[in-house]
Amino acid sequence: MAIHQMLRRSLSAGKRSSSPKGSTDVPKGQLAVYVGESEKRRFVIPVSYLNQSSFQDLLCQAEEEFGFDHPMGGLTIPCSEDMFMDLISLLGRK
């Protein structure tokens, strides 16, 4: 399944969740993801990161671990916050 289809399913699942008002508000051109090994922290990142191969690797890991049933109602990335922050920092410099 293509990454775009995976994200579309994850995003639509997030809209159906009963999240508190405002928690699903994401600016246009951005994407909310949940990151962490035990405690999940929400990050809002540029959609342009989806084109980067290193970020696509994380999406594949998420698909392997969670399939399309993400426990947070949105896209959950199975890695440490530190690793994710390093990747985001690297992608932000490109």
N, C-alpha and C. Protein backbone atom coordinates (compact mmCIF):
# COMPACT_ATOMS: atom_id res chain seq x y z
N MET A 1 0.85 -1.18 0.00
CA MET A 1 0.00 0.00 0.00
C MET A 1 0.89 1.24 0.00
N ALA A 2 0.53 2.25 -0.74
CA ALA A 2 1.32 3.47 -0.86
C ALA A 2 1.27 4.27 0.43
N ILE A 3 2.31 5.04 0.67
CA ILE A 3 2.40 5.85 1.87
C ILE A 3 1.25 6.84 1.95
N HIS A 4 0.88 7.42 0.81
CA HIS A 4 -0.23 8.38 0.80
C HIS A 4 -1.52 7.73 1.27
N GLN A 5 -1.76 6.49 0.86
CA GLN A 5 -2.97 5.79 1.29
C GLN A 5 -2.90 5.49 2.78
N MET A 6 -1.72 5.12 3.26
CA MET A 6 -1.54 4.83 4.68
C MET A 6 -1.85 6.07 5.50
N LEU A 7 -1.34 7.22 5.07
CA LEU A 7 -1.58 8.46 5.80
C LEU A 7 -3.04 8.88 5.74
N ARG A 8 -3.64 8.70 4.58
CA ARG A 8 -5.04 9.07 4.44
C ARG A 8 -5.89 8.27 5.43
N ARG A 9 -5.61 6.97 5.55
CA ARG A 9 -6.35 6.14 6.51
C ARG A 9 -6.09 6.59 7.94
N SER A 10 -4.82 6.88 8.26
CA SER A 10 -4.47 7.30 9.61
C SER A 10 -5.14 8.62 9.95
N LEU A 11 -5.13 9.55 9.01
CA LEU A 11 -5.73 10.85 9.26
C LEU A 11 -7.23 10.74 9.43
N SER A 12 -7.88 9.93 8.60
CA SER A 12 -9.33 9.80 8.72
C SER A 12 -9.70 9.11 10.03
N ALA A 13 -8.87 8.18 10.49
CA ALA A 13 -9.12 7.53 11.78
C ALA A 13 -9.00 8.55 12.90
N GLY A 14 -8.06 9.47 12.79
CA GLY A 14 -7.88 10.50 13.80
C GLY A 14 -9.07 11.42 13.89
N LYS A 15 -9.71 11.71 12.76
CA LYS A 15 -10.88 12.59 12.75
C LYS A 15 -12.06 11.93 13.45
N ARG A 16 -12.12 10.59 13.42
CA ARG A 16 -13.22 9.88 14.05
C ARG A 16 -13.03 9.75 15.55
N SER A 17 -11.82 9.96 16.04
CA SER A 17 -11.57 9.77 17.47
C SER A 17 -12.27 10.86 18.27
N SER A 18 -12.49 10.59 19.52
CA SER A 18 -13.15 11.56 20.39
C SER A 18 -12.11 12.36 21.15
N SER A 19 -11.23 13.02 20.43
CA SER A 19 -10.19 13.82 21.05
C SER A 19 -10.77 15.12 21.56
N PRO A 20 -10.10 15.71 22.58
CA PRO A 20 -10.56 17.00 23.06
C PRO A 20 -10.50 18.04 21.95
N LYS A 21 -11.38 19.03 22.02
CA LYS A 21 -11.43 20.09 21.00
C LYS A 21 -10.07 20.76 20.90
N GLY A 22 -9.60 20.94 19.65
CA GLY A 22 -8.33 21.60 19.43
C GLY A 22 -7.16 20.65 19.26
N SER A 23 -7.27 19.44 19.78
CA SER A 23 -6.14 18.53 19.70
C SER A 23 -5.95 17.97 18.29
N THR A 24 -6.98 18.05 17.44
CA THR A 24 -6.84 17.56 16.08
C THR A 24 -6.60 18.69 15.09
N ASP A 25 -6.53 19.93 15.56
CA ASP A 25 -6.29 21.06 14.67
C ASP A 25 -4.83 21.06 14.24
N VAL A 26 -4.62 20.90 12.95
CA VAL A 26 -3.28 20.90 12.38
C VAL A 26 -3.28 21.87 11.21
N PRO A 27 -2.32 22.80 11.19
CA PRO A 27 -2.28 23.77 10.09
C PRO A 27 -2.12 23.09 8.73
N LYS A 28 -2.63 23.74 7.70
CA LYS A 28 -2.50 23.23 6.34
C LYS A 28 -1.02 23.04 6.02
N GLY A 29 -0.69 21.91 5.39
CA GLY A 29 0.70 21.62 5.03
C GLY A 29 1.47 20.96 6.15
N GLN A 30 0.80 20.63 7.25
CA GLN A 30 1.43 20.00 8.41
C GLN A 30 0.74 18.66 8.68
N LEU A 31 1.40 17.84 9.48
CA LEU A 31 0.89 16.52 9.83
C LEU A 31 1.19 16.25 11.29
N ALA A 32 0.22 15.76 12.03
CA ALA A 32 0.44 15.40 13.43
C ALA A 32 0.84 13.93 13.50
N VAL A 33 1.88 13.66 14.27
CA VAL A 33 2.32 12.28 14.51
C VAL A 33 2.55 12.12 16.01
N TYR A 34 2.45 10.89 16.47
CA TYR A 34 2.72 10.57 17.87
C TYR A 34 3.98 9.73 17.92
N VAL A 35 4.89 10.12 18.81
CA VAL A 35 6.21 9.50 18.86
C VAL A 35 6.54 9.13 20.30
N GLY A 36 7.20 8.00 20.46
CA GLY A 36 7.69 7.58 21.77
C GLY A 36 7.55 6.09 21.93
N GLU A 37 8.36 5.57 22.83
CA GLU A 37 8.34 4.12 23.04
C GLU A 37 7.30 3.72 24.08
N SER A 38 7.17 4.48 25.15
CA SER A 38 6.12 4.18 26.13
C SER A 38 5.11 5.32 26.18
N GLU A 39 5.54 6.48 26.60
CA GLU A 39 4.69 7.67 26.55
C GLU A 39 4.74 8.25 25.14
N LYS A 40 3.60 8.54 24.58
CA LYS A 40 3.54 9.10 23.22
C LYS A 40 3.41 10.62 23.29
N ARG A 41 4.24 11.30 22.53
CA ARG A 41 4.21 12.76 22.47
C ARG A 41 3.81 13.18 21.05
N ARG A 42 2.96 14.18 20.96
CA ARG A 42 2.45 14.64 19.67
C ARG A 42 3.39 15.69 19.08
N PHE A 43 3.73 15.50 17.80
CA PHE A 43 4.54 16.45 17.05
C PHE A 43 3.77 16.84 15.80
N VAL A 44 3.88 18.09 15.40
CA VAL A 44 3.29 18.55 14.15
C VAL A 44 4.46 18.90 13.24
N ILE A 45 4.52 18.21 12.10
CA ILE A 45 5.65 18.34 11.19
C ILE A 45 5.17 18.73 9.80
N PRO A 46 6.06 19.29 8.98
CA PRO A 46 5.69 19.61 7.59
C PRO A 46 5.41 18.34 6.78
N VAL A 47 4.40 18.38 5.95
CA VAL A 47 4.06 17.25 5.08
C VAL A 47 5.23 16.93 4.14
N SER A 48 6.03 17.93 3.81
CA SER A 48 7.16 17.72 2.90
C SER A 48 8.14 16.67 3.42
N TYR A 49 8.16 16.42 4.73
CA TYR A 49 9.05 15.39 5.28
C TYR A 49 8.69 14.00 4.76
N LEU A 50 7.46 13.82 4.32
CA LEU A 50 7.02 12.50 3.84
C LEU A 50 7.77 12.06 2.59
N ASN A 51 8.35 12.99 1.87
CA ASN A 51 9.11 12.66 0.66
C ASN A 51 10.52 12.18 0.97
N GLN A 52 10.97 12.35 2.19
CA GLN A 52 12.34 11.99 2.56
C GLN A 52 12.42 10.49 2.87
N SER A 53 13.43 9.85 2.30
CA SER A 53 13.56 8.39 2.47
C SER A 53 13.72 8.00 3.94
N SER A 54 14.41 8.80 4.72
CA SER A 54 14.60 8.46 6.14
C SER A 54 13.26 8.50 6.89
N PHE A 55 12.38 9.42 6.53
CA PHE A 55 11.08 9.47 7.17
C PHE A 55 10.20 8.33 6.66
N GLN A 56 10.33 7.98 5.40
CA GLN A 56 9.57 6.87 4.85
C GLN A 56 9.94 5.55 5.54
N ASP A 57 11.21 5.43 5.95
CA ASP A 57 11.62 4.25 6.72
C ASP A 57 10.84 4.16 8.03
N LEU A 58 10.66 5.30 8.69
CA LEU A 58 9.87 5.30 9.93
C LEU A 58 8.41 4.91 9.66
N LEU A 59 7.87 5.37 8.54
CA LEU A 59 6.50 5.01 8.19
C LEU A 59 6.36 3.51 7.96
N CYS A 60 7.36 2.92 7.35
CA CYS A 60 7.34 1.46 7.14
C CYS A 60 7.40 0.72 8.48
N GLN A 61 8.21 1.23 9.41
CA GLN A 61 8.28 0.63 10.75
C GLN A 61 6.92 0.74 11.45
N ALA A 62 6.28 1.89 11.29
CA ALA A 62 4.96 2.09 11.90
C ALA A 62 3.95 1.11 11.32
N GLU A 63 4.01 0.91 10.01
CA GLU A 63 3.10 -0.04 9.37
C GLU A 63 3.34 -1.46 9.86
N GLU A 64 4.62 -1.84 10.00
CA GLU A 64 4.95 -3.19 10.49
C GLU A 64 4.47 -3.40 11.92
N GLU A 65 4.63 -2.38 12.76
CA GLU A 65 4.29 -2.53 14.17
C GLU A 65 2.80 -2.39 14.44
N PHE A 66 2.15 -1.41 13.81
CA PHE A 66 0.76 -1.11 14.12
C PHE A 66 -0.22 -1.45 13.02
N GLY A 67 0.26 -1.70 11.81
CA GLY A 67 -0.66 -1.85 10.68
C GLY A 67 -1.36 -0.52 10.50
N PHE A 68 -2.68 -0.54 10.41
CA PHE A 68 -3.42 0.71 10.27
C PHE A 68 -4.29 0.97 11.49
N ASP A 69 -4.00 0.27 12.56
CA ASP A 69 -4.73 0.44 13.81
C ASP A 69 -3.82 1.16 14.80
N HIS A 70 -3.73 2.48 14.66
CA HIS A 70 -2.84 3.26 15.51
C HIS A 70 -3.53 3.56 16.84
N PRO A 71 -2.90 3.19 17.95
CA PRO A 71 -3.54 3.32 19.26
C PRO A 71 -3.89 4.75 19.66
N MET A 72 -3.21 5.74 19.10
CA MET A 72 -3.47 7.13 19.47
C MET A 72 -4.54 7.77 18.57
N GLY A 73 -5.05 7.04 17.60
CA GLY A 73 -6.04 7.60 16.70
C GLY A 73 -5.42 8.35 15.54
N GLY A 74 -4.13 8.52 15.56
CA GLY A 74 -3.39 9.18 14.49
C GLY A 74 -2.16 8.36 14.17
N LEU A 75 -1.31 8.89 13.36
CA LEU A 75 -0.12 8.18 12.95
C LEU A 75 0.86 8.10 14.12
N THR A 76 1.22 6.88 14.51
CA THR A 76 2.14 6.64 15.61
C THR A 76 3.44 6.12 15.06
N ILE A 77 4.55 6.77 15.44
CA ILE A 77 5.88 6.40 14.97
C ILE A 77 6.59 5.65 16.10
N PRO A 78 6.98 4.40 15.86
CA PRO A 78 7.60 3.59 16.93
C PRO A 78 9.11 3.81 17.05
N CYS A 79 9.50 4.94 17.61
CA CYS A 79 10.92 5.19 17.87
C CYS A 79 11.02 6.11 19.08
N SER A 80 12.22 6.29 19.58
CA SER A 80 12.40 7.17 20.73
C SER A 80 12.22 8.63 20.30
N GLU A 81 11.85 9.46 21.24
CA GLU A 81 11.71 10.89 20.96
C GLU A 81 13.04 11.48 20.52
N ASP A 82 14.13 11.04 21.16
CA ASP A 82 15.45 11.56 20.81
C ASP A 82 15.81 11.27 19.36
N MET A 83 15.56 10.04 18.94
CA MET A 83 15.86 9.68 17.55
C MET A 83 15.00 10.50 16.59
N PHE A 84 13.72 10.66 16.92
CA PHE A 84 12.82 11.42 16.07
C PHE A 84 13.25 12.89 15.99
N MET A 85 13.62 13.46 17.13
CA MET A 85 14.07 14.86 17.15
C MET A 85 15.34 15.03 16.32
N ASP A 86 16.25 14.06 16.39
CA ASP A 86 17.46 14.12 15.56
C ASP A 86 17.10 14.11 14.08
N LEU A 87 16.18 13.22 13.70
CA LEU A 87 15.77 13.13 12.30
C LEU A 87 15.10 14.42 11.84
N ILE A 88 14.20 14.95 12.65
CA ILE A 88 13.49 16.17 12.30
C ILE A 88 14.47 17.34 12.17
N SER A 89 15.43 17.38 13.05
CA SER A 89 16.44 18.42 12.98
C SER A 89 17.24 18.32 11.69
N LEU A 90 17.60 17.10 11.33
CA LEU A 90 18.34 16.86 10.09
C LEU A 90 17.49 17.24 8.87
N LEU A 91 16.24 16.85 8.86
CA LEU A 91 15.36 17.16 7.74
C LEU A 91 15.08 18.65 7.63
N GLY A 92 15.05 19.34 8.76
CA GLY A 92 14.81 20.77 8.77
C GLY A 92 15.95 21.57 8.15
N ARG A 93 17.13 20.97 8.10
CA ARG A 93 18.29 21.66 7.52
C ARG A 93 18.35 21.51 6.01
N LYS A 94 17.60 20.57 5.46
CA LYS A 94 17.65 20.32 4.01
C LYS A 94 16.89 21.37 3.25
